[in-house]
Protein backbone atom coordinates (compact mmCIF):
# COMPACT_ATOMS: atom_id res chain seq x y z
CA MET A 1 -0.06 -0.09 0.04
CA CYS A 2 2.89 2.30 0.77
CA ALA A 3 4.31 2.09 -2.86
CA TYR A 4 0.91 2.87 -4.10
CA ASN A 5 0.56 5.95 -2.14
CA VAL A 6 3.88 7.15 -3.24
CA ARG A 7 2.99 6.67 -6.85
CA GLN A 8 -0.40 8.28 -6.56
CA ARG A 9 0.34 11.41 -4.25
CA GLN A 10 4.07 11.59 -5.22
CA THR A 11 4.99 11.98 -1.34
CA LEU A 12 6.16 9.57 1.37
CA ASP A 13 3.60 8.55 4.13
CA HIS A 14 5.80 10.27 6.78
CA ASP A 15 8.28 12.86 7.14
CA PRO A 16 11.89 11.72 7.64
CA ALA A 17 13.24 12.57 11.08
CA THR A 18 15.23 15.82 11.48
CA GLY A 19 16.95 17.80 14.17
CA PRO A 20 16.68 16.22 17.71
CA ASP A 21 14.69 13.32 16.49
CA ARG A 22 17.38 12.31 13.85
CA ARG A 23 20.07 12.57 16.74
CA ARG A 24 18.10 10.49 19.00
CA ASP A 25 17.63 7.82 16.54
CA ARG A 26 21.38 7.83 15.51
CA LEU A 27 22.32 7.51 19.15
CA ARG A 28 19.83 4.72 19.72
CA GLU A 29 21.30 2.92 16.66
CA LEU A 30 24.78 3.39 17.85
CA GLY A 31 23.77 2.10 21.30
CA LEU A 32 22.24 -1.13 19.61
CA TRP A 33 25.36 -1.66 17.77
CA LEU A 34 27.62 -1.48 20.95
CA PHE A 35 25.23 -3.71 22.79
CA GLY A 36 25.46 -6.27 20.00
CA ALA A 37 29.16 -6.01 19.78
CA THR A 38 29.63 -6.55 23.39
CA ALA A 39 27.13 -9.43 23.65
CA LEU A 40 29.21 -11.13 20.73
CA TYR A 41 32.37 -10.49 22.53
CA LEU A 42 31.01 -11.84 25.81
CA VAL A 43 29.72 -15.08 23.92
CA TYR A 44 33.34 -15.44 22.40
CA TRP A 45 34.85 -14.98 25.83
CA VAL A 46 32.67 -17.37 27.56
CA ALA A 47 33.22 -20.11 24.80
CA ARG A 48 37.04 -19.47 24.89
CA ARG A 49 36.95 -20.06 28.89
CA ILE A 50 34.73 -23.08 28.59
CA LEU A 51 35.79 -24.88 25.50
CA PHE A 52 39.61 -24.14 25.59
């Protein structure tokens, strides 16, 4: 339905984030990347301690 709306109205269904909202989204994304990298490292560390 979204593609249909873009073709008919020639606009997006929502306005992209700008200003503080965009900054908050970028910080949230960075935090999730750091959390994921930390979780992967902890799994690696635990596997090394147990398996080797």
